[in-house]
Amino acid sequence: MRVISFKADEDFLEQVDKLARRMNLSRSELIRVAIESFIKINGNNINISSLTKKLKEI
């Protein structure tokens, strides 16, 4: 498996870590599952410009 990195603020990481502990997963496993679920739900129907706009609002 390849390693990737991304930037995240402390509050986000705290939420990720808290959820990962509750689910008995590592941070990496939780993020991987979340992204896999997002892709399965949205598949090829992802509107990149709409997604980018929504992500900027977060």
N, C-alpha and C. Protein backbone atom coordinates (compact mmCIF):
# COMPACT_ATOMS: atom_id res chain seq x y z
N MET A 1 0.85 -1.17 0.00
CA MET A 1 0.00 0.00 0.00
C MET A 1 0.90 1.24 0.00
N ARG A 2 0.50 2.24 -0.75
CA ARG A 2 1.28 3.47 -0.81
C ARG A 2 0.89 4.41 0.33
N VAL A 3 1.82 5.26 0.70
CA VAL A 3 1.59 6.24 1.76
C VAL A 3 1.27 7.58 1.11
N ILE A 4 0.24 8.26 1.62
CA ILE A 4 -0.09 9.60 1.17
C ILE A 4 -0.13 10.52 2.39
N SER A 5 -0.10 11.81 2.15
CA SER A 5 -0.22 12.75 3.27
C SER A 5 -1.14 13.89 2.85
N PHE A 6 -1.74 14.53 3.84
CA PHE A 6 -2.58 15.70 3.59
C PHE A 6 -2.57 16.57 4.84
N LYS A 7 -2.96 17.81 4.67
CA LYS A 7 -2.99 18.74 5.78
C LYS A 7 -4.38 18.74 6.41
N ALA A 8 -4.41 18.82 7.74
CA ALA A 8 -5.67 18.88 8.47
C ALA A 8 -5.44 19.67 9.76
N ASP A 9 -6.47 20.41 10.17
CA ASP A 9 -6.30 21.18 11.40
C ASP A 9 -6.47 20.27 12.62
N GLU A 10 -6.07 20.77 13.76
CA GLU A 10 -6.07 19.98 14.99
C GLU A 10 -7.47 19.50 15.38
N ASP A 11 -8.47 20.36 15.24
CA ASP A 11 -9.84 19.97 15.61
C ASP A 11 -10.30 18.77 14.78
N PHE A 12 -10.01 18.81 13.48
CA PHE A 12 -10.40 17.70 12.60
C PHE A 12 -9.70 16.42 13.04
N LEU A 13 -8.41 16.50 13.30
CA LEU A 13 -7.66 15.30 13.70
C LEU A 13 -8.16 14.74 15.03
N GLU A 14 -8.53 15.62 15.94
CA GLU A 14 -9.09 15.16 17.22
C GLU A 14 -10.38 14.38 16.99
N GLN A 15 -11.24 14.89 16.10
CA GLN A 15 -12.49 14.20 15.79
C GLN A 15 -12.21 12.85 15.13
N VAL A 16 -11.26 12.83 14.19
CA VAL A 16 -10.90 11.59 13.51
C VAL A 16 -10.37 10.58 14.52
N ASP A 17 -9.46 11.01 15.37
CA ASP A 17 -8.88 10.10 16.36
C ASP A 17 -9.92 9.57 17.34
N LYS A 18 -10.83 10.43 17.76
CA LYS A 18 -11.89 10.01 18.69
C LYS A 18 -12.77 8.94 18.04
N LEU A 19 -13.17 9.18 16.80
CA LEU A 19 -14.01 8.21 16.10
C LEU A 19 -13.24 6.91 15.83
N ALA A 20 -11.98 7.03 15.47
CA ALA A 20 -11.16 5.84 15.22
C ALA A 20 -11.06 4.98 16.48
N ARG A 21 -10.86 5.61 17.63
CA ARG A 21 -10.81 4.85 18.89
C ARG A 21 -12.13 4.15 19.17
N ARG A 22 -13.25 4.87 18.97
CA ARG A 22 -14.57 4.27 19.20
C ARG A 22 -14.82 3.08 18.28
N MET A 23 -14.27 3.14 17.07
CA MET A 23 -14.49 2.07 16.09
C MET A 23 -13.38 1.03 16.12
N ASN A 24 -12.41 1.23 17.04
CA ASN A 24 -11.27 0.32 17.15
C ASN A 24 -10.50 0.20 15.84
N LEU A 25 -10.26 1.36 15.20
CA LEU A 25 -9.51 1.43 13.95
C LEU A 25 -8.34 2.39 14.12
N SER A 26 -7.35 2.24 13.29
CA SER A 26 -6.29 3.24 13.26
C SER A 26 -6.82 4.46 12.50
N ARG A 27 -6.14 5.57 12.65
CA ARG A 27 -6.51 6.78 11.92
C ARG A 27 -6.52 6.49 10.41
N SER A 28 -5.49 5.82 9.93
CA SER A 28 -5.40 5.50 8.50
C SER A 28 -6.56 4.62 8.04
N GLU A 29 -6.89 3.62 8.86
CA GLU A 29 -8.00 2.73 8.49
C GLU A 29 -9.31 3.50 8.39
N LEU A 30 -9.55 4.38 9.36
CA LEU A 30 -10.79 5.16 9.36
C LEU A 30 -10.87 6.04 8.12
N ILE A 31 -9.80 6.75 7.82
CA ILE A 31 -9.80 7.63 6.65
C ILE A 31 -9.98 6.82 5.37
N ARG A 32 -9.32 5.68 5.28
CA ARG A 32 -9.44 4.82 4.09
C ARG A 32 -10.89 4.34 3.94
N VAL A 33 -11.50 3.88 5.03
CA VAL A 33 -12.90 3.41 4.98
C VAL A 33 -13.83 4.55 4.58
N ALA A 34 -13.60 5.73 5.12
CA ALA A 34 -14.45 6.88 4.81
C ALA A 34 -14.36 7.24 3.33
N ILE A 35 -13.16 7.25 2.78
CA ILE A 35 -12.99 7.59 1.37
C ILE A 35 -13.58 6.49 0.49
N GLU A 36 -13.34 5.23 0.85
CA GLU A 36 -13.92 4.12 0.08
C GLU A 36 -15.44 4.20 0.08
N SER A 37 -16.04 4.51 1.22
CA SER A 37 -17.50 4.64 1.31
C SER A 37 -18.00 5.78 0.45
N PHE A 38 -17.30 6.90 0.48
CA PHE A 38 -17.68 8.06 -0.33
C PHE A 38 -17.67 7.69 -1.81
N ILE A 39 -16.62 7.00 -2.24
CA ILE A 39 -16.51 6.61 -3.65
C ILE A 39 -17.61 5.62 -4.02
N LYS A 40 -17.89 4.65 -3.14
CA LYS A 40 -18.95 3.67 -3.43
C LYS A 40 -20.31 4.35 -3.55
N ILE A 41 -20.58 5.31 -2.69
CA ILE A 41 -21.87 6.00 -2.70
C ILE A 41 -22.00 6.90 -3.93
N ASN A 42 -20.93 7.61 -4.27
CA ASN A 42 -20.99 8.60 -5.33
C ASN A 42 -20.51 8.09 -6.68
N GLY A 43 -19.66 7.07 -6.67
CA GLY A 43 -19.18 6.47 -7.91
C GLY A 43 -18.72 7.49 -8.93
N ASN A 44 -19.17 7.31 -10.15
CA ASN A 44 -18.79 8.21 -11.24
C ASN A 44 -19.67 9.44 -11.30
N ASN A 45 -20.57 9.59 -10.35
CA ASN A 45 -21.51 10.71 -10.37
C ASN A 45 -20.98 11.92 -9.62
N ILE A 46 -19.70 11.94 -9.31
CA ILE A 46 -19.12 13.05 -8.56
C ILE A 46 -18.94 14.25 -9.49
N ASN A 47 -19.57 15.36 -9.13
CA ASN A 47 -19.41 16.61 -9.85
C ASN A 47 -18.25 17.34 -9.18
N ILE A 48 -17.10 17.37 -9.84
CA ILE A 48 -15.87 17.90 -9.24
C ILE A 48 -16.03 19.36 -8.83
N SER A 49 -16.61 20.19 -9.67
CA SER A 49 -16.73 21.61 -9.32
C SER A 49 -17.65 21.80 -8.12
N SER A 50 -18.73 21.03 -8.06
CA SER A 50 -19.65 21.11 -6.92
C SER A 50 -18.97 20.62 -5.65
N LEU A 51 -18.24 19.52 -5.74
CA LEU A 51 -17.53 18.98 -4.58
C LEU A 51 -16.48 19.97 -4.09
N THR A 52 -15.73 20.56 -5.00
CA THR A 52 -14.70 21.54 -4.63
C THR A 52 -15.33 22.72 -3.91
N LYS A 53 -16.46 23.20 -4.41
CA LYS A 53 -17.15 24.33 -3.78
C LYS A 53 -17.59 23.96 -2.37
N LYS A 54 -18.17 22.77 -2.20
CA LYS A 54 -18.64 22.33 -0.88
C LYS A 54 -17.47 22.16 0.09
N LEU A 55 -16.37 21.63 -0.40
CA LEU A 55 -15.21 21.43 0.47
C LEU A 55 -14.63 22.75 0.94
N LYS A 56 -14.68 23.77 0.11
CA LYS A 56 -14.18 25.09 0.50
C LYS A 56 -15.05 25.71 1.58
N GLU A 57 -16.32 25.31 1.65
CA GLU A 57 -17.24 25.83 2.66
C GLU A 57 -16.99 25.22 4.03
N ILE A 58 -16.33 24.09 4.06
CA ILE A 58 -16.10 23.39 5.33
C ILE A 58 -15.06 24.11 6.16
